[in-house]
Amino acid sequence: MSSVKLTNLLKPLVEDLGYEFVGLESRSIPKNQVLAIYIDRPEGIAVEDCERVSREVAALLDVEDPISGHYSLEVSSPGLDRPLFNLEQFAQFAGENAKISVFAPLEGRRKFKGEILGVEDGMVKLEQDGAEVILEVSNIAKARLVPDYDNLFTKREETR
């Protein structure tokens, strides 16, 4: 089943449980497929939240059986290096740095890293090496925020 169909199946369930459905990734490891679901909420995510969502999602997947073969289900918070799945998320994190890989090369490149400038007309604007790069969201294979660890640790030291 495609990730769009899985998202359409799982997003309402996760949201009914009171969480933000950030997105999902499907990846293969030797002899197994992994379905990773990212959830969030303003006060953060605890292990108990992941367990609750995992139980409910597993039950729905057992009934609907959308994935053929064996797979492992992972439910987690998006973390500091939060994955970005749609235009709304790119707009939400404008001003942050991101690493983006694309399906089809743009000017001979498949990987980009820089500040998210915003979104416009289905395109993501990124500043890389002082130049503006415009990426079609449909060409984005994977995108993640790049945490500023130095700034995070500085803020943490200031609050002590």
C-alpha atoms as a PDB file:
ATOM      1  CA  MET A   1       0.000   0.000   0.000  1.00  0.00           C
ATOM      2  CA  SER A   2       1.284   3.475  -0.828  1.00  0.00           C
ATOM      3  CA  SER A   3       2.326   5.884   1.887  1.00  0.00           C
ATOM      4  CA  VAL A   4      -0.524   8.212   0.856  1.00  0.00           C
ATOM      5  CA  LYS A   5      -3.107   5.450   1.413  1.00  0.00           C
ATOM      6  CA  LEU A   6      -1.489   4.455   4.714  1.00  0.00           C
ATOM      7  CA  THR A   7      -1.499   8.089   5.809  1.00  0.00           C
ATOM      8  CA  ASN A   8      -5.190   8.398   4.892  1.00  0.00           C
ATOM      9  CA  LEU A   9      -5.908   5.258   6.926  1.00  0.00           C
ATOM     10  CA  LEU A  10      -3.834   6.106  10.012  1.00  0.00           C
ATOM     11  CA  LYS A  11      -3.981   9.907  10.325  1.00  0.00           C
ATOM     12  CA  PRO A  12      -7.636  10.084  11.498  1.00  0.00           C
ATOM     13  CA  LEU A  13      -6.996   7.410  14.154  1.00  0.00           C
ATOM     14  CA  VAL A  14      -3.909   9.166  15.525  1.00  0.00           C
ATOM     15  CA  GLU A  15      -5.683  12.538  15.554  1.00  0.00           C
ATOM     16  CA  ASP A  16      -8.754  11.014  17.280  1.00  0.00           C
ATOM     17  CA  LEU A  17      -6.366   9.865  20.029  1.00  0.00           C
ATOM     18  CA  GLY A  18      -5.338  13.513  20.540  1.00  0.00           C
ATOM     19  CA  TYR A  19      -1.982  13.562  18.744  1.00  0.00           C
ATOM     20  CA  GLU A  20      -0.569  15.307  15.696  1.00  0.00           C
ATOM     21  CA  PHE A  21       0.148  12.832  12.907  1.00  0.00           C
ATOM     22  CA  VAL A  22       3.515  14.151  11.706  1.00  0.00           C
ATOM     23  CA  GLY A  23       3.993  11.493   9.018  1.00  0.00           C
ATOM     24  CA  LEU A  24       5.193   8.004   8.286  1.00  0.00           C
ATOM     25  CA  GLU A  25       8.151   6.312   6.657  1.00  0.00           C
ATOM     26  CA  SER A  26       8.456   2.818   5.312  1.00  0.00           C
ATOM     27  CA  ARG A  27      11.916   1.313   5.073  1.00  0.00           C
ATOM     28  CA  SER A  28      13.376  -2.120   4.602  1.00  0.00           C
ATOM     29  CA  ILE A  29      15.952  -3.819   6.744  1.00  0.00           C
ATOM     30  CA  PRO A  30      17.206  -7.340   6.028  1.00  0.00           C
ATOM     31  CA  LYS A  31      14.273  -9.771   6.062  1.00  0.00           C
ATOM     32  CA  ASN A  32      11.831  -7.183   7.412  1.00  0.00           C
ATOM     33  CA  GLN A  33       9.962  -4.018   6.557  1.00  0.00           C
ATOM     34  CA  VAL A  34       9.628  -1.220   9.132  1.00  0.00           C
ATOM     35  CA  LEU A  35       6.699   1.174   9.296  1.00  0.00           C
ATOM     36  CA  ALA A  36       7.717   4.217  11.350  1.00  0.00           C
ATOM     37  CA  ILE A  37       4.991   6.610  12.472  1.00  0.00           C
ATOM     38  CA  TYR A  38       5.850  10.004  13.961  1.00  0.00           C
ATOM     39  CA  ILE A  39       3.467  11.655  16.420  1.00  0.00           C
ATOM     40  CA  ASP A  40       3.633  14.877  18.395  1.00  0.00           C
ATOM     41  CA  ARG A  41       1.684  17.165  20.703  1.00  0.00           C
ATOM     42  CA  PRO A  42       2.477  20.541  22.290  1.00  0.00           C
ATOM     43  CA  GLU A  43       3.526  19.092  25.665  1.00  0.00           C
ATOM     44  CA  GLY A  44       5.776  16.517  24.008  1.00  0.00           C
ATOM     45  CA  ILE A  45       5.633  12.755  23.659  1.00  0.00           C
ATOM     46  CA  ALA A  46       6.278  10.173  26.371  1.00  0.00           C
ATOM     47  CA  VAL A  47       6.839   6.441  26.010  1.00  0.00           C
ATOM     48  CA  GLU A  48       3.261   5.852  27.179  1.00  0.00           C
ATOM     49  CA  ASP A  49       1.970   7.954  24.272  1.00  0.00           C
ATOM     50  CA  CYS A  50       3.915   5.840  21.797  1.00  0.00           C
ATOM     51  CA  GLU A  51       2.617   2.645  23.406  1.00  0.00           C
ATOM     52  CA  ARG A  52      -0.986   3.873  23.258  1.00  0.00           C
ATOM     53  CA  VAL A  53      -0.773   4.873  19.593  1.00  0.00           C
ATOM     54  CA  SER A  54       1.121   1.694  18.719  1.00  0.00           C
ATOM     55  CA  ARG A  55      -1.623  -0.513  20.233  1.00  0.00           C
ATOM     56  CA  GLU A  56      -4.392   1.301  18.374  1.00  0.00           C
ATOM     57  CA  VAL A  57      -2.532   1.460  15.056  1.00  0.00           C
ATOM     58  CA  ALA A  58      -1.557  -2.228  15.296  1.00  0.00           C
ATOM     59  CA  ALA A  59      -5.195  -3.180  15.880  1.00  0.00           C
ATOM     60  CA  LEU A  60      -6.331  -1.156  12.854  1.00  0.00           C
ATOM     61  CA  LEU A  61      -3.566  -2.596  10.672  1.00  0.00           C
ATOM     62  CA  ASP A  62      -4.536  -6.124  11.767  1.00  0.00           C
ATOM     63  CA  VAL A  63      -8.131  -5.501  10.681  1.00  0.00           C
ATOM     64  CA  GLU A  64      -7.382  -3.634   7.436  1.00  0.00           C
ATOM     65  CA  ASP A  65      -4.258  -5.693   6.552  1.00  0.00           C
ATOM     66  CA  PRO A  66      -2.828  -3.057   4.157  1.00  0.00           C
ATOM     67  CA  ILE A  67       0.784  -4.277   4.306  1.00  0.00           C
ATOM     68  CA  SER A  68       1.733  -7.607   2.792  1.00  0.00           C
ATOM     69  CA  GLY A  69       4.342  -9.741   4.496  1.00  0.00           C
ATOM     70  CA  HIS A  70       6.068  -9.254   7.814  1.00  0.00           C
ATOM     71  CA  TYR A  71       6.773  -5.783   9.156  1.00  0.00           C
ATOM     72  CA  SER A  72       7.676  -4.040  12.384  1.00  0.00           C
ATOM     73  CA  LEU A  73       5.735  -1.040  13.654  1.00  0.00           C
ATOM     74  CA  GLU A  74       7.573   1.855  15.294  1.00  0.00           C
ATOM     75  CA  VAL A  75       5.835   4.846  16.863  1.00  0.00           C
ATOM     76  CA  SER A  76       7.944   7.749  18.093  1.00  0.00           C
ATOM     77  CA  SER A  77       8.227  11.487  18.484  1.00  0.00           C
ATOM     78  CA  PRO A  78       9.764  13.305  15.519  1.00  0.00           C
ATOM     79  CA  GLY A  79      12.813  14.270  17.595  1.00  0.00           C
ATOM     80  CA  LEU A  80      15.092  17.251  17.142  1.00  0.00           C
ATOM     81  CA  ASP A  81      15.918  16.224  13.568  1.00  0.00           C
ATOM     82  CA  ARG A  82      12.206  16.216  12.770  1.00  0.00           C
ATOM     83  CA  PRO A  83      11.241  14.780   9.380  1.00  0.00           C
ATOM     84  CA  LEU A  84       9.248  17.074   7.098  1.00  0.00           C
ATOM     85  CA  PHE A  85       6.550  15.494   4.953  1.00  0.00           C
ATOM     86  CA  ASN A  86       4.376  18.264   3.487  1.00  0.00           C
ATOM     87  CA  LEU A  87       4.223  21.949   2.547  1.00  0.00           C
ATOM     88  CA  GLU A  88       2.535  22.912   5.815  1.00  0.00           C
ATOM     89  CA  GLN A  89       5.481  21.527   7.771  1.00  0.00           C
ATOM     90  CA  PHE A  90       8.005  23.345   5.570  1.00  0.00           C
ATOM     91  CA  ALA A  91       6.053  26.586   6.138  1.00  0.00           C
ATOM     92  CA  GLN A  92       5.842  25.910   9.904  1.00  0.00           C
ATOM     93  CA  PHE A  93       9.611  25.532  10.138  1.00  0.00           C
ATOM     94  CA  ALA A  94      10.613  28.436   7.891  1.00  0.00           C
ATOM     95  CA  GLY A  95      13.801  29.956   9.282  1.00  0.00           C
ATOM     96  CA  GLU A  96      15.137  26.555  10.390  1.00  0.00           C
ATOM     97  CA  ASN A  97      17.865  24.602   8.636  1.00  0.00           C
ATOM     98  CA  ALA A  98      17.033  21.384   6.805  1.00  0.00           C
ATOM     99  CA  LYS A  99      18.680  18.597   4.842  1.00  0.00           C
ATOM    100  CA  ILE A 100      16.702  17.621   1.754  1.00  0.00           C
ATOM    101  CA  SER A 101      17.270  14.891  -0.821  1.00  0.00           C
ATOM    102  CA  VAL A 102      15.359  14.793  -4.086  1.00  0.00           C
ATOM    103  CA  PHE A 103      14.296  12.026  -6.457  1.00  0.00           C
ATOM    104  CA  ALA A 104      15.384  13.745  -9.694  1.00  0.00           C
ATOM    105  CA  PRO A 105      18.588  15.812  -9.614  1.00  0.00           C
ATOM    106  CA  LEU A 106      18.317  19.583  -9.829  1.00  0.00           C
ATOM    107  CA  GLU A 107      21.294  21.159 -11.590  1.00  0.00           C
ATOM    108  CA  GLY A 108      23.199  17.913 -11.026  1.00  0.00           C
ATOM    109  CA  ARG A 109      22.489  17.788  -7.284  1.00  0.00           C
ATOM    110  CA  ARG A 110      20.374  15.401  -5.254  1.00  0.00           C
ATOM    111  CA  LYS A 111      21.187  16.706  -1.749  1.00  0.00           C
ATOM    112  CA  PHE A 112      20.590  20.159  -0.368  1.00  0.00           C
ATOM    113  CA  LYS A 113      21.178  21.742   3.025  1.00  0.00           C
ATOM    114  CA  GLY A 114      20.236  25.209   4.121  1.00  0.00           C
ATOM    115  CA  GLU A 115      17.684  27.520   5.685  1.00  0.00           C
ATOM    116  CA  ILE A 116      14.043  27.007   4.772  1.00  0.00           C
ATOM    117  CA  LEU A 117      12.898  30.351   3.383  1.00  0.00           C
ATOM    118  CA  GLY A 118       9.255  29.321   3.004  1.00  0.00           C
ATOM    119  CA  VAL A 119       6.823  27.798   0.528  1.00  0.00           C
ATOM    120  CA  GLU A 120       5.111  29.216  -2.520  1.00  0.00           C
ATOM    121  CA  ASP A 121       2.926  27.599  -5.197  1.00  0.00           C
ATOM    122  CA  GLY A 122       3.761  24.032  -4.164  1.00  0.00           C
ATOM    123  CA  MET A 123       7.473  24.797  -4.030  1.00  0.00           C
ATOM    124  CA  VAL A 124       9.901  24.847  -1.116  1.00  0.00           C
ATOM    125  CA  LYS A 125      12.379  27.722  -1.050  1.00  0.00           C
ATOM    126  CA  LEU A 126      15.735  26.998   0.529  1.00  0.00           C
ATOM    127  CA  GLU A 127      18.848  29.128   0.885  1.00  0.00           C
ATOM    128  CA  GLN A 128      21.987  27.137   0.227  1.00  0.00           C
ATOM    129  CA  ASP A 129      25.442  28.689   0.053  1.00  0.00           C
ATOM    130  CA  GLY A 130      23.955  32.179  -0.362  1.00  0.00           C
ATOM    131  CA  ALA A 131      21.713  31.212  -3.295  1.00  0.00           C
ATOM    132  CA  GLU A 132      17.986  30.520  -3.330  1.00  0.00           C
ATOM    133  CA  VAL A 133      17.032  27.006  -4.406  1.00  0.00           C
ATOM    134  CA  ILE A 134      13.448  26.162  -5.343  1.00  0.00           C
ATOM    135  CA  LEU A 135      12.353  22.536  -4.950  1.00  0.00           C
ATOM    136  CA  GLU A 136       9.081  20.977  -6.055  1.00  0.00           C
ATOM    137  CA  VAL A 137       7.547  19.237  -3.049  1.00  0.00           C
ATOM    138  CA  SER A 138       6.670  16.247  -5.272  1.00  0.00           C
ATOM    139  CA  ASN A 139      10.401  15.823  -6.034  1.00  0.00           C
ATOM    140  CA  ILE A 140      11.434  15.761  -2.360  1.00  0.00           C
ATOM    141  CA  ALA A 141      12.384  12.220  -1.354  1.00  0.00           C
ATOM    142  CA  LYS A 142      13.349  12.974   2.229  1.00  0.00           C
ATOM    143  CA  ALA A 143      13.665  16.071   4.389  1.00  0.00           C
ATOM    144  CA  ARG A 144      14.730  16.577   8.002  1.00  0.00           C
ATOM    145  CA  LEU A 145      15.442  19.559  10.197  1.00  0.00           C
ATOM    146  CA  VAL A 146      19.061  20.075  11.180  1.00  0.00           C
ATOM    147  CA  PRO A 147      19.146  20.940  14.887  1.00  0.00           C
ATOM    148  CA  ASP A 148      21.427  23.749  16.026  1.00  0.00           C
ATOM    149  CA  TYR A 149      22.993  21.804  18.901  1.00  0.00           C
ATOM    150  CA  ASP A 150      25.314  24.646  19.901  1.00  0.00           C
ATOM    151  CA  ASN A 151      22.346  26.983  20.352  1.00  0.00           C
ATOM    152  CA  LEU A 152      20.316  24.296  22.159  1.00  0.00           C
ATOM    153  CA  PHE A 153      23.098  23.618  24.631  1.00  0.00           C
ATOM    154  CA  THR A 154      23.694  27.353  25.162  1.00  0.00           C
ATOM    155  CA  LYS A 155      19.996  27.872  26.002  1.00  0.00           C
ATOM    156  CA  ARG A 156      20.073  24.884  28.348  1.00  0.00           C
ATOM    157  CA  GLU A 157      23.121  26.243  30.217  1.00  0.00           C
ATOM    158  CA  GLU A 158      21.423  29.654  30.549  1.00  0.00           C
ATOM    159  CA  THR A 159      18.363  28.102  32.244  1.00  0.00           C
ATOM    160  CA  ARG A 160      20.443  26.388  34.944  1.00  0.00           C
END
